[in-house]
Amino acid sequence: MGGHRLFRFVAACGVGAILATGVRAQSVGPDYPVPPSIEYKNLYRDVELAGIFPDSKTFPDLIPSAAPSAILADYDAAGSAAGFDLASFVSQYFSGPTPPGPTVNPASSGQPLLDYIASLWPVLQQDTPTVPAYSTLLPLPYTYVVPGGRFREFYYWDTYFTMLGLEQDGQHALAVDMLKDFAFEIDQYHHIPNGNRSYYLSRSQPPFFALMVELIARTDGEQTYADYLPELQAEHDYWMQGEDDLLPGHAAGHVVRLLDGTVLNRYWDARRAPRDESYLEDVQTAQQTSRPAGEVYRDLRAAAESGWDFSSRWLADGATLSTIRTLSLLPPDLNSLLVKLEQTLAKAYQCTGDSAHAAEYAARAQARIEAIQRLMWDARDGVFTDYLWTQGRTTGNVTAATLYPLFLNVATPQQAQTVSGVVADELLQPGGLATSLVNSGQQWDVPNGWAPLQWIGVIGLRNYGYGTLAQQIASRWVGANISVYELEGKLVEKYDVTTPAGTPGGGGEYATQIGFGWTNGVLLALGGLYPDLMAAAEAATADAQTASAQ
């Protein structure tokens, strides 16, 4: 069995094992540490609503100098005193954060792009087998790579695209370590959280675990599927929890059973409260509508689980964040990923000689494929799009999510042909693949392009024989990456793909971050597919006079 099995003993030890690493084990689930918005109560609310920190994520990542109960008692005692200064109180009791976040500097003058990426891997690595007492950070047994900037922890779906680059760069052992960390999280928390912070435990992210297992199996062999079978099964159990007792026309957690009995999935979060890392922003959004605040918070959280936080695809009016309706939508990207999980479970069970379970999951995957093709296909616009299950129709939003069924071989050949035409005519931009056709000001909309969607688009089109279009996307995206690198000496999380030169993207709740894990990974992986593009990347250098860390 895989080496991560050693840590099953740690998981089995439960509370004691968690306390030994300094993470508190008060419950919002089995062995779940409490998020700071619950732990610090009115203090947390007051700090975030006062806007003491420009970024709402700063406060939950700080390290307290005493037990939260003691800090809260001091706050309750001192907070009403004349002349009380909240910012001074916070600075007295909190410091950090830990880890502080990788310091990603611009490239030195003349440094080749690939050398720069190689130099970033050690910078982006974190080792946190233990964490400070009362930290929100969750310990992990193996080394992992973080995205960069404010994202100083281990993120679920980001990591798959980072792993692609590590494999291309010959760092297989590090990629395996990250897969082991995810297996540990499943064993410990019964799912992979959005990130390894207590405030992320109430949700997951797009389920790429099966694709990670497949990626590692290409080097380590088919036994990898058997090694990770328990975690693959637990991942599926998490996403399908509540299915057995669900009546037609109802939803429970991530699962929706339609009136005809079809079972599909949506994004969801277990909490109805502002996100700890975006507390002020969520409160302000909820204040802009007459809808119940808890309903708005859960829709915001569900969209955060999707990774597309935020996009016009989730918004009822396509423009206003307070109209968010994530829970009402069945996404083609999520359900295509769950097809892959079910197919991978079938393969894993076959590897262990369990033909009955292999057949069960193969049948589940096929039923889901047929449902995606039937319900999420928008023939008028020629794309796969979100299914508004409460109204029995598609939304009509044209986004790069239409490429997931091609990426995971869920589309029919005719559907793929139609999608390829829409991509070429509407989504392809001078700098690569646009995320949508709507400029809403949200970061998962035009003009932004994102590394994971470029990879999904390229592979999806190649799967169905549209290699020329796939190469166009790859070439334009790599060109945008190189252009920004040559001008500014950095790689960023997202790019404005509407300009030929390429510029860093914008929009959303925070400034564009540099680093950046999945950008680095996809750039290297595309270079592996298209060596000529890698030659161009190798020639790219940074100008020390214009490089900037901003």
Protein backbone atom coordinates (compact mmCIF):
# COMPACT_ATOMS: atom_id res chain seq x y z
CA MET A 1 0.00 0.00 0.00
CA GLY A 2 1.02 3.63 -0.43
CA GLY A 3 3.15 5.36 2.17
CA HIS A 4 0.25 7.59 3.23
CA ARG A 5 -1.26 4.60 5.06
CA LEU A 6 1.09 5.37 7.96
CA PHE A 7 -1.02 8.43 8.68
CA ARG A 8 -4.25 6.48 8.97
CA PHE A 9 -3.16 5.77 12.52
CA VAL A 10 -2.95 9.51 13.11
CA ALA A 11 -6.41 9.97 11.66
CA ALA A 12 -7.76 7.13 13.78
CA CYS A 13 -6.37 8.79 16.90
CA GLY A 14 -8.78 11.66 16.28
CA VAL A 15 -8.80 14.43 18.84
CA GLY A 16 -5.59 13.43 20.55
CA ALA A 17 -3.63 13.50 17.33
CA ILE A 18 -5.03 16.92 16.44
CA LEU A 19 -4.29 18.39 19.85
CA ALA A 20 -0.73 17.13 19.61
CA THR A 21 -0.20 19.40 16.63
CA GLY A 22 -1.76 22.43 18.25
CA VAL A 23 -5.03 22.42 16.32
CA ARG A 24 -8.15 22.64 18.45
CA ALA A 25 -10.73 19.96 17.96
CA GLN A 26 -14.00 21.57 18.96
CA SER A 27 -16.64 20.35 16.58
CA VAL A 28 -18.35 21.56 13.46
CA GLY A 29 -17.95 17.97 12.28
CA PRO A 30 -15.97 14.88 13.26
CA ASP A 31 -12.64 16.08 14.62
CA TYR A 32 -13.16 19.45 12.91
CA PRO A 33 -11.38 22.50 14.30
CA VAL A 34 -13.65 25.51 14.77
CA PRO A 35 -13.35 28.40 12.28
CA PRO A 36 -12.36 31.71 13.86
CA SER A 37 -15.68 33.42 13.11
CA ILE A 38 -17.28 30.92 15.53
CA GLU A 39 -14.39 30.81 17.98
CA TYR A 40 -14.02 34.58 18.40
CA LYS A 41 -17.71 35.47 18.04
CA ASN A 42 -18.34 39.22 18.36
CA LEU A 43 -14.61 40.02 18.26
CA TYR A 44 -14.30 38.43 14.84
CA ARG A 45 -17.36 40.22 13.53
CA ASP A 46 -16.21 43.58 14.89
CA VAL A 47 -12.69 43.30 13.45
CA GLU A 48 -13.90 42.33 9.99
CA LEU A 49 -16.72 44.86 9.80
CA ALA A 50 -14.37 47.61 10.96
CA GLY A 51 -12.15 46.91 7.94
CA ILE A 52 -8.98 46.97 10.03
CA PHE A 53 -7.20 44.92 7.38
CA PRO A 54 -7.54 45.77 3.67
CA ASP A 55 -7.80 42.04 2.91
CA SER A 56 -10.43 40.16 4.94
CA LYS A 57 -8.28 37.01 4.76
CA THR A 58 -5.55 38.60 6.89
CA PHE A 59 -7.27 38.34 10.26
CA PRO A 60 -8.23 34.63 10.16
CA ASP A 61 -4.65 33.75 9.20
CA LEU A 62 -3.08 35.54 12.18
CA ILE A 63 -1.69 33.64 15.16
CA PRO A 64 -3.19 34.34 18.59
CA SER A 65 -0.89 34.70 21.58
CA ALA A 66 -3.38 33.08 23.98
CA ALA A 67 -6.34 30.75 23.98
CA PRO A 68 -9.29 32.18 22.04
CA SER A 69 -11.51 31.97 25.12
CA ALA A 70 -9.06 34.13 27.08
CA ILE A 71 -8.76 36.69 24.28
CA LEU A 72 -12.53 36.86 23.94
CA ALA A 73 -12.96 37.33 27.69
CA ASP A 74 -10.46 40.20 27.63
CA TYR A 75 -12.29 41.75 24.70
CA ASP A 76 -15.66 41.48 26.42
CA ALA A 77 -14.17 43.15 29.47
CA ALA A 78 -12.25 45.93 27.70
CA GLY A 79 -14.24 46.55 24.54
CA SER A 80 -16.77 48.91 26.06
CA ALA A 81 -14.19 51.02 27.93
CA ALA A 82 -13.75 54.66 26.94
CA GLY A 83 -10.95 55.14 24.44
CA PHE A 84 -10.80 51.46 23.50
CA ASP A 85 -8.82 50.94 20.28
CA LEU A 86 -9.79 47.79 18.40
CA ALA A 87 -6.75 47.83 16.10
CA SER A 88 -4.41 48.09 19.09
CA PHE A 89 -6.22 45.22 20.81
CA VAL A 90 -5.75 43.03 17.74
CA SER A 91 -2.05 43.88 17.45
CA GLN A 92 -1.63 43.03 21.15
CA TYR A 93 -3.10 39.54 20.85
CA PHE A 94 -2.38 38.50 17.26
CA SER A 95 0.69 38.26 15.02
CA GLY A 96 1.79 36.47 11.91
CA PRO A 97 0.38 34.99 9.84
CA THR A 98 2.09 31.59 9.84
CA PRO A 99 3.23 30.63 7.35
CA PRO A 100 3.71 34.25 6.29
CA GLY A 101 3.18 33.39 2.66
CA PRO A 102 5.88 32.91 0.08
CA THR A 103 7.80 36.00 -0.94
CA VAL A 104 7.81 35.72 -4.72
CA ASN A 105 10.22 38.23 -6.19
CA PRO A 106 10.36 39.27 -9.85
CA ALA A 107 12.95 37.57 -12.01
CA SER A 108 16.46 38.89 -12.12
CA SER A 109 17.51 40.69 -15.30
CA GLY A 110 17.97 38.27 -18.19
CA GLN A 111 16.78 35.19 -16.25
CA PRO A 112 15.21 32.66 -18.64
CA LEU A 113 11.57 31.94 -17.88
CA LEU A 114 12.06 28.23 -17.23
CA ASP A 115 14.91 28.94 -14.83
CA TYR A 116 12.65 31.37 -13.03
CA ILE A 117 9.89 28.75 -12.68
CA ALA A 118 12.42 26.22 -11.38
CA SER A 119 13.53 28.76 -8.79
CA LEU A 120 9.94 29.25 -7.63
CA TRP A 121 9.19 25.65 -6.64
CA PRO A 122 11.27 25.82 -3.42
CA VAL A 123 9.80 29.25 -2.63
CA LEU A 124 6.23 27.95 -2.96
CA GLN A 125 6.84 24.80 -0.91
CA GLN A 126 5.51 24.51 2.62
CA ASP A 127 6.14 21.92 5.34
CA THR A 128 3.59 22.03 8.15
CA PRO A 129 3.55 18.70 10.04
CA THR A 130 2.90 20.85 13.12
CA VAL A 131 1.28 24.26 13.40
CA PRO A 132 1.16 26.92 16.13
CA ALA A 133 -1.43 26.54 18.86
CA TYR A 134 -4.82 27.96 17.90
CA SER A 135 -3.75 28.61 14.31
CA THR A 136 -6.39 28.15 11.61
CA LEU A 137 -3.82 26.23 9.57
CA LEU A 138 -4.40 22.46 9.44
CA PRO A 139 -1.22 20.34 9.66
CA LEU A 140 -0.24 18.05 6.80
CA PRO A 141 2.36 15.28 6.93
CA TYR A 142 4.07 15.89 3.58
CA THR A 143 5.56 18.80 1.67
CA TYR A 144 3.16 20.70 -0.57
CA VAL A 145 3.19 23.62 -3.01
CA VAL A 146 0.97 26.66 -2.45
CA PRO A 147 -0.30 28.98 -5.19
CA GLY A 148 1.48 32.11 -3.92
CA GLY A 149 0.71 35.56 -2.55
CA ARG A 150 -2.27 35.64 -0.17
CA PHE A 151 -2.85 31.97 -0.95
CA ARG A 152 -0.34 30.60 1.54
CA GLU A 153 -2.05 27.25 2.13
CA PHE A 154 -2.74 24.04 0.20
CA TYR A 155 -5.66 24.39 -2.22
CA TYR A 156 -7.55 21.47 -3.69
CA TRP A 157 -8.15 22.03 -7.38
CA ASP A 158 -5.18 24.37 -7.88
CA THR A 159 -2.91 21.49 -6.98
CA TYR A 160 -3.79 19.28 -9.93
CA PHE A 161 -2.51 21.89 -12.36
CA THR A 162 0.58 22.50 -10.25
CA MET A 163 1.21 18.74 -10.27
CA LEU A 164 1.12 18.74 -14.09
CA GLY A 165 4.06 21.12 -14.05
CA LEU A 166 5.94 19.19 -11.38
CA GLU A 167 5.61 16.01 -13.43
CA GLN A 168 6.85 17.82 -16.52
CA ASP A 169 9.73 19.25 -14.49
CA GLY A 170 10.84 15.84 -13.20
CA GLN A 171 9.62 16.41 -9.65
CA HIS A 172 7.50 13.29 -9.37
CA ALA A 173 8.28 12.70 -5.69
CA LEU A 174 6.90 16.10 -4.73
CA ALA A 175 3.73 15.47 -6.75
CA VAL A 176 3.30 12.15 -4.95
CA ASP A 177 3.70 13.88 -1.59
CA MET A 178 0.85 16.22 -2.45
CA LEU A 179 -1.39 13.31 -3.41
CA LYS A 180 -0.55 11.73 -0.05
CA ASP A 181 -1.51 14.94 1.71
CA PHE A 182 -4.91 14.86 0.05
CA ALA A 183 -5.35 11.22 1.02
CA PHE A 184 -4.50 12.21 4.59
CA GLU A 185 -7.13 14.95 4.52
CA ILE A 186 -9.77 12.51 3.28
CA ASP A 187 -8.83 10.04 6.02
CA GLN A 188 -8.91 12.81 8.64
CA TYR A 189 -11.84 14.99 7.57
CA HIS A 190 -13.76 12.62 5.26
CA HIS A 191 -13.27 15.02 2.34
CA ILE A 192 -10.66 17.33 0.84
CA PRO A 193 -11.35 20.84 2.12
CA ASN A 194 -11.12 23.92 -0.08
CA GLY A 195 -7.75 24.57 1.62
CA ASN A 196 -5.98 23.46 4.79
CA ARG A 197 -7.54 26.08 7.04
CA SER A 198 -10.24 25.50 9.66
CA TYR A 199 -12.48 28.03 7.91
CA TYR A 200 -12.35 25.99 4.67
CA LEU A 201 -13.56 22.73 6.22
CA SER A 202 -17.24 23.33 5.49
CA ARG A 203 -16.73 22.88 1.75
CA SER A 204 -14.50 21.23 -0.81
CA GLN A 205 -13.48 22.29 -4.34
CA PRO A 206 -13.87 20.76 -7.81
CA PRO A 207 -13.13 17.03 -7.32
CA PHE A 208 -9.85 16.50 -9.13
CA PHE A 209 -8.58 13.78 -6.78
CA ALA A 210 -9.30 11.00 -9.30
CA LEU A 211 -7.32 12.89 -11.96
CA MET A 212 -4.42 13.24 -9.51
CA VAL A 213 -4.45 9.49 -8.88
CA GLU A 214 -4.46 8.91 -12.64
CA LEU A 215 -1.55 11.32 -13.10
CA ILE A 216 0.59 9.55 -10.52
CA ALA A 217 -0.41 6.12 -11.87
CA ARG A 218 1.17 7.00 -15.22
CA THR A 219 4.54 6.72 -13.51
CA ASP A 220 3.88 4.43 -10.56
CA GLY A 221 1.62 1.92 -12.31
CA GLU A 222 -1.91 0.57 -11.98
CA GLN A 223 -1.42 -0.46 -8.36
CA THR A 224 -1.84 3.25 -7.58
CA TYR A 225 -5.57 2.89 -8.20
CA ALA A 226 -5.86 0.10 -5.64
CA ASP A 227 -3.69 1.99 -3.15
CA TYR A 228 -6.02 4.99 -3.18
CA LEU A 229 -9.30 3.08 -3.51
CA PRO A 230 -10.43 3.87 0.08
CA GLU A 231 -9.93 7.59 -0.48
CA LEU A 232 -11.57 7.52 -3.92
CA GLN A 233 -14.59 5.84 -2.34
CA ALA A 234 -14.67 8.33 0.53
CA GLU A 235 -14.49 11.21 -1.95
CA HIS A 236 -17.51 9.84 -3.79
CA ASP A 237 -19.37 9.24 -0.51
CA TYR A 238 -18.81 12.88 0.43
CA TRP A 239 -20.22 14.27 -2.80
CA MET A 240 -23.17 11.83 -2.78
CA GLN A 241 -24.09 12.10 0.91
CA GLY A 242 -27.89 12.17 1.30
CA GLU A 243 -28.60 10.47 -2.03
CA ASP A 244 -30.27 7.34 -0.65
CA ASP A 245 -33.17 9.07 1.12
CA LEU A 246 -33.68 11.88 -1.38
CA LEU A 247 -37.14 12.24 -2.91
CA PRO A 248 -37.67 13.35 -6.54
CA GLY A 249 -37.63 17.12 -6.94
CA HIS A 250 -35.54 17.65 -3.82
CA ALA A 251 -31.94 18.43 -2.90
CA ALA A 252 -29.74 17.48 0.04
CA GLY A 253 -26.27 18.97 0.32
CA HIS A 254 -24.44 18.41 -2.93
CA VAL A 255 -27.06 16.04 -4.36
CA VAL A 256 -30.20 16.79 -6.39
CA ARG A 257 -32.75 14.21 -7.48
CA LEU A 258 -34.81 15.50 -10.40
CA LEU A 259 -38.49 14.71 -10.86
CA ASP A 260 -37.67 11.87 -13.27
CA GLY A 261 -35.31 10.30 -10.72
CA THR A 262 -32.07 11.49 -12.33
CA VAL A 263 -29.38 12.19 -9.72
CA LEU A 264 -26.86 14.97 -10.34
CA ASN A 265 -24.72 17.27 -8.24
CA ARG A 266 -24.37 20.92 -7.35
CA TYR A 267 -21.89 22.95 -5.36
CA TRP A 268 -22.76 23.46 -1.70
CA ASP A 269 -21.33 24.52 1.66
CA ALA A 270 -22.32 23.29 5.10
CA ARG A 271 -22.50 26.79 6.64
CA ARG A 272 -24.95 29.69 6.26
CA ALA A 273 -22.68 32.52 7.38
CA PRO A 274 -20.24 35.00 5.85
CA ARG A 275 -17.02 33.37 4.72
CA ASP A 276 -14.28 33.96 7.29
CA GLU A 277 -11.83 34.97 4.55
CA SER A 278 -14.32 37.39 2.90
CA TYR A 279 -16.47 38.36 5.85
CA LEU A 280 -16.97 42.05 5.15
CA GLU A 281 -17.54 41.48 1.44
CA ASP A 282 -20.20 38.84 2.10
CA VAL A 283 -22.04 40.99 4.64
CA GLN A 284 -22.09 43.88 2.18
CA THR A 285 -23.40 41.61 -0.59
CA ALA A 286 -26.22 40.30 1.61
CA GLN A 287 -27.20 43.87 2.52
CA GLN A 288 -27.86 44.65 -1.14
CA THR A 289 -30.87 42.33 -1.42
CA SER A 290 -34.09 41.53 0.41
CA ARG A 291 -33.30 37.82 0.28
CA PRO A 292 -32.56 36.10 3.63
CA ALA A 293 -28.90 36.71 4.46
CA GLY A 294 -28.24 33.03 5.22
CA GLU A 295 -29.46 32.07 1.75
CA VAL A 296 -27.10 34.58 0.13
CA TYR A 297 -24.16 33.41 2.26
CA ARG A 298 -24.64 29.78 1.30
CA ASP A 299 -24.88 30.64 -2.40
CA LEU A 300 -21.66 32.66 -2.08
CA ARG A 301 -19.96 29.79 -0.28
CA ALA A 302 -21.15 27.27 -2.86
CA ALA A 303 -19.69 29.42 -5.64
CA ALA A 304 -16.43 29.54 -3.69
CA GLU A 305 -16.45 25.73 -3.69
CA SER A 306 -16.71 25.82 -7.48
CA GLY A 307 -13.43 27.72 -7.74
CA TRP A 308 -15.19 30.28 -9.95
CA ASP A 309 -15.61 32.90 -7.24
CA PHE A 310 -17.21 34.78 -8.78
CA SER A 311 -18.74 34.61 -12.26
CA SER A 312 -21.80 35.84 -14.12
CA ARG A 313 -22.74 32.18 -14.61
CA TRP A 314 -23.94 32.04 -10.98
CA LEU A 315 -25.92 35.31 -11.08
CA ALA A 316 -29.62 35.45 -11.87
CA ASP A 317 -29.28 38.79 -13.65
CA GLY A 318 -25.77 38.03 -14.98
CA ALA A 319 -24.36 41.15 -13.35
CA THR A 320 -25.22 41.65 -9.67
CA LEU A 321 -23.52 39.50 -7.05
CA SER A 322 -26.47 39.67 -4.65
CA THR A 323 -28.57 37.73 -7.23
CA ILE A 324 -26.28 34.72 -6.85
CA ARG A 325 -28.13 31.39 -7.15
CA THR A 326 -25.43 28.71 -7.10
CA LEU A 327 -27.56 26.16 -5.23
CA SER A 328 -30.14 26.24 -8.03
CA LEU A 329 -27.62 25.19 -10.68
CA LEU A 330 -26.26 21.80 -11.75
CA PRO A 331 -22.88 22.54 -13.38
CA PRO A 332 -21.47 20.55 -16.32
CA ASP A 333 -17.93 20.91 -14.97
CA LEU A 334 -18.71 19.41 -11.56
CA ASN A 335 -20.76 16.59 -13.00
CA SER A 336 -18.14 15.77 -15.63
CA LEU A 337 -15.54 15.53 -12.88
CA LEU A 338 -17.82 13.16 -10.99
CA VAL A 339 -18.09 11.01 -14.12
CA LYS A 340 -14.29 10.75 -13.97
CA LEU A 341 -14.42 9.86 -10.27
CA GLU A 342 -16.97 7.11 -10.92
CA GLN A 343 -14.97 5.74 -13.84
CA THR A 344 -11.82 5.80 -11.72
CA LEU A 345 -13.61 3.95 -8.93
CA ALA A 346 -14.68 1.33 -11.46
CA LYS A 347 -11.05 0.94 -12.54
CA ALA A 348 -9.79 0.79 -8.95
CA TYR A 349 -12.32 -1.87 -8.00
CA GLN A 350 -11.38 -3.84 -11.13
CA CYS A 351 -7.73 -3.65 -10.05
CA THR A 352 -8.66 -5.27 -6.74
CA GLY A 353 -10.73 -8.00 -8.42
CA ASP A 354 -14.07 -6.62 -7.25
CA SER A 355 -16.03 -6.91 -10.50
CA ALA A 356 -19.41 -6.23 -8.92
CA HIS A 357 -18.42 -2.80 -7.60
CA ALA A 358 -16.53 -2.08 -10.81
CA ALA A 359 -19.72 -2.68 -12.81
CA GLU A 360 -21.77 -0.57 -10.39
CA TYR A 361 -19.57 2.49 -10.77
CA ALA A 362 -19.20 2.06 -14.52
CA ALA A 363 -23.00 2.06 -14.75
CA ARG A 364 -23.24 5.14 -12.53
CA ALA A 365 -20.75 6.97 -14.73
CA GLN A 366 -22.67 6.07 -17.88
CA ALA A 367 -25.97 7.24 -16.40
CA ARG A 368 -24.37 10.55 -15.45
CA ILE A 369 -22.89 10.95 -18.94
CA GLU A 370 -26.31 10.46 -20.49
CA ALA A 371 -27.84 12.98 -18.08
CA ILE A 372 -25.19 15.61 -18.90
CA GLN A 373 -25.69 15.10 -22.62
CA ARG A 374 -29.46 15.32 -22.25
CA LEU A 375 -29.94 18.09 -19.70
CA MET A 376 -26.87 20.33 -19.86
CA TRP A 377 -26.59 20.59 -23.63
CA ASP A 378 -27.88 23.91 -24.96
CA ALA A 379 -28.53 23.24 -28.64
CA ARG A 380 -29.45 26.86 -29.36
CA ASP A 381 -26.08 28.25 -28.24
CA GLY A 382 -24.09 25.10 -29.01
CA VAL A 383 -22.56 24.70 -25.56
CA PHE A 384 -22.80 22.75 -22.33
CA THR A 385 -24.11 25.06 -19.65
CA ASP A 386 -25.48 25.06 -16.12
CA TYR A 387 -28.85 23.39 -15.64
CA LEU A 388 -31.32 25.42 -13.59
CA TRP A 389 -32.89 22.43 -11.88
CA THR A 390 -35.54 24.45 -10.06
CA GLN A 391 -36.94 25.54 -13.44
CA GLY A 392 -36.01 22.58 -15.66
CA ARG A 393 -33.90 24.49 -18.17
CA THR A 394 -30.36 25.54 -19.02
CA THR A 395 -29.19 29.06 -18.24
CA GLY A 396 -27.87 29.89 -21.71
CA ASN A 397 -24.57 31.20 -20.33
CA VAL A 398 -21.64 30.62 -22.69
CA THR A 399 -18.52 29.97 -20.61
CA ALA A 400 -15.35 27.92 -20.78
CA ALA A 401 -17.11 25.34 -18.57
CA THR A 402 -18.49 23.99 -21.86
CA LEU A 403 -15.09 22.36 -22.42
CA TYR A 404 -15.19 20.09 -19.37
CA PRO A 405 -17.34 17.45 -21.10
CA LEU A 406 -14.72 17.36 -23.87
CA PHE A 407 -11.85 17.29 -21.38
CA LEU A 408 -13.39 14.26 -19.65
CA ASN A 409 -14.76 12.56 -22.80
CA VAL A 410 -18.39 13.07 -21.84
CA ALA A 411 -19.57 14.89 -25.01
CA THR A 412 -20.81 13.19 -28.14
CA PRO A 413 -18.72 13.77 -31.29
CA GLN A 414 -21.42 16.06 -32.67
CA GLN A 415 -21.59 18.08 -29.46
CA ALA A 416 -17.80 18.41 -29.47
CA GLN A 417 -17.84 19.64 -33.06
CA THR A 418 -20.41 22.31 -32.20
CA VAL A 419 -18.52 23.38 -29.08
CA SER A 420 -15.31 23.72 -31.08
CA GLY A 421 -17.06 26.18 -33.39
CA VAL A 422 -18.33 28.29 -30.49
CA VAL A 423 -14.86 28.29 -28.92
CA ALA A 424 -13.26 29.42 -32.16
CA ASP A 425 -15.87 32.09 -32.86
CA GLU A 426 -16.60 33.44 -29.37
CA LEU A 427 -14.25 32.32 -26.59
CA LEU A 428 -10.89 32.39 -28.38
CA GLN A 429 -9.14 35.70 -27.72
CA PRO A 430 -5.72 37.13 -28.67
CA GLY A 431 -4.26 35.95 -25.35
CA GLY A 432 -5.96 32.56 -25.11
CA LEU A 433 -9.31 31.22 -23.97
CA ALA A 434 -11.71 33.69 -22.32
CA THR A 435 -13.67 32.50 -19.29
CA SER A 436 -17.04 33.89 -20.44
CA LEU A 437 -18.61 36.43 -22.78
CA VAL A 438 -19.81 38.76 -19.99
CA ASN A 439 -17.78 41.60 -18.51
CA SER A 440 -19.36 41.71 -15.05
CA GLY A 441 -16.36 42.94 -13.08
CA GLN A 442 -16.06 39.52 -11.46
CA GLN A 443 -12.74 37.80 -11.93
CA TRP A 444 -14.14 34.62 -13.53
CA ASP A 445 -15.51 36.54 -16.49
CA VAL A 446 -14.13 38.26 -19.56
CA PRO A 447 -11.53 39.78 -19.98
CA ASN A 448 -9.78 37.26 -17.74
CA GLY A 449 -8.31 33.95 -18.76
CA TRP A 450 -7.11 31.34 -16.28
CA ALA A 451 -4.44 28.65 -16.61
CA PRO A 452 -6.63 25.65 -15.63
CA LEU A 453 -9.24 26.50 -18.25
CA GLN A 454 -6.57 26.76 -20.94
CA TRP A 455 -5.39 23.23 -20.11
CA ILE A 456 -8.94 21.86 -19.98
CA GLY A 457 -9.71 23.49 -23.32
CA VAL A 458 -6.54 22.27 -25.02
CA ILE A 459 -6.89 18.68 -23.84
CA GLY A 460 -10.63 18.61 -24.46
CA LEU A 461 -10.26 19.75 -28.07
CA ARG A 462 -7.38 17.36 -28.67
CA ASN A 463 -9.51 14.51 -27.32
CA TYR A 464 -12.01 15.04 -30.15
CA GLY A 465 -9.56 15.75 -32.95
CA TYR A 466 -9.51 19.55 -32.98
CA GLY A 467 -5.75 19.83 -32.64
CA THR A 468 -5.33 23.02 -34.64
CA LEU A 469 -7.71 24.98 -32.42
CA ALA A 470 -6.13 23.46 -29.32
CA GLN A 471 -2.71 24.61 -30.45
CA GLN A 472 -4.03 28.11 -31.15
CA ILE A 473 -5.25 28.37 -27.55
CA ALA A 474 -1.95 27.07 -26.21
CA SER A 475 0.14 29.35 -28.39
CA ARG A 476 -1.81 32.48 -27.52
CA TRP A 477 -1.84 31.69 -23.80
CA VAL A 478 1.88 30.95 -23.65
CA GLY A 479 2.46 34.15 -25.62
CA ALA A 480 0.50 36.16 -23.03
CA ASN A 481 2.49 34.57 -20.20
CA ILE A 482 5.76 35.37 -21.94
CA SER A 483 4.71 38.93 -22.72
CA VAL A 484 3.94 39.77 -19.10
CA TYR A 485 7.11 38.01 -17.97
CA GLU A 486 9.27 40.00 -20.35
CA LEU A 487 7.70 43.29 -19.26
CA GLU A 488 7.32 42.70 -15.53
CA GLY A 489 9.44 39.67 -14.65
CA LYS A 490 6.61 37.71 -13.06
CA LEU A 491 3.89 35.13 -13.58
CA VAL A 492 0.40 35.84 -12.24
CA GLU A 493 -2.76 33.93 -11.35
CA LYS A 494 -4.87 35.30 -14.24
CA TYR A 495 -4.38 37.31 -17.44
CA ASP A 496 -6.39 39.75 -19.51
CA VAL A 497 -6.62 37.71 -22.72
CA THR A 498 -8.41 40.34 -24.79
CA THR A 499 -5.21 42.19 -25.72
CA PRO A 500 -2.54 40.74 -28.02
CA ALA A 501 0.30 41.75 -25.69
CA GLY A 502 -1.25 40.19 -22.59
CA THR A 503 -1.54 41.95 -19.26
CA PRO A 504 -2.27 40.76 -15.72
CA GLY A 505 -5.98 40.21 -15.11
CA GLY A 506 -8.11 41.97 -12.54
CA GLY A 507 -11.53 42.16 -10.94
CA GLY A 508 -12.91 40.30 -7.96
CA GLU A 509 -12.34 40.71 -4.24
CA TYR A 510 -8.54 41.05 -4.09
CA ALA A 511 -5.53 42.22 -6.06
CA THR A 512 -4.06 39.92 -8.71
CA GLN A 513 -1.54 37.59 -7.07
CA ILE A 514 1.89 36.63 -8.37
CA GLY A 515 3.62 33.27 -8.07
CA PHE A 516 1.70 31.37 -9.29
CA GLY A 517 1.28 27.62 -8.83
CA TRP A 518 -1.18 26.69 -11.52
CA THR A 519 0.14 29.23 -14.03
CA ASN A 520 3.62 27.75 -13.66
CA GLY A 521 2.31 24.20 -13.88
CA VAL A 522 0.17 24.69 -16.98
CA LEU A 523 2.91 26.64 -18.75
CA LEU A 524 5.32 23.74 -18.27
CA ALA A 525 2.70 21.15 -19.23
CA LEU A 526 1.80 23.00 -22.43
CA GLY A 527 5.49 23.14 -23.23
CA GLY A 528 5.56 19.37 -22.93
CA LEU A 529 2.73 19.08 -25.45
CA TYR A 530 4.16 21.69 -27.82
CA PRO A 531 7.98 21.78 -27.74
CA ASP A 532 8.09 24.79 -30.06
CA LEU A 533 6.21 26.81 -27.46
CA MET A 534 8.70 25.69 -24.84
CA ALA A 535 11.52 26.94 -27.05
CA ALA A 536 9.86 30.36 -27.10
CA ALA A 537 9.49 30.23 -23.33
CA GLU A 538 13.14 29.31 -22.91
CA ALA A 539 14.11 32.38 -24.87
CA ALA A 540 12.00 34.73 -22.77
CA THR A 541 13.94 36.87 -20.33
CA ALA A 542 13.00 39.50 -17.78
CA ASP A 543 14.08 43.11 -17.96
CA ALA A 544 15.42 44.11 -14.58
CA GLN A 545 14.56 47.74 -15.25
CA THR A 546 10.84 47.06 -15.65
CA ALA A 547 10.35 44.05 -13.36
CA SER A 548 7.96 44.83 -10.55
CA ALA A 549 6.66 42.93 -7.58
CA GLN A 550 3.32 44.68 -7.70
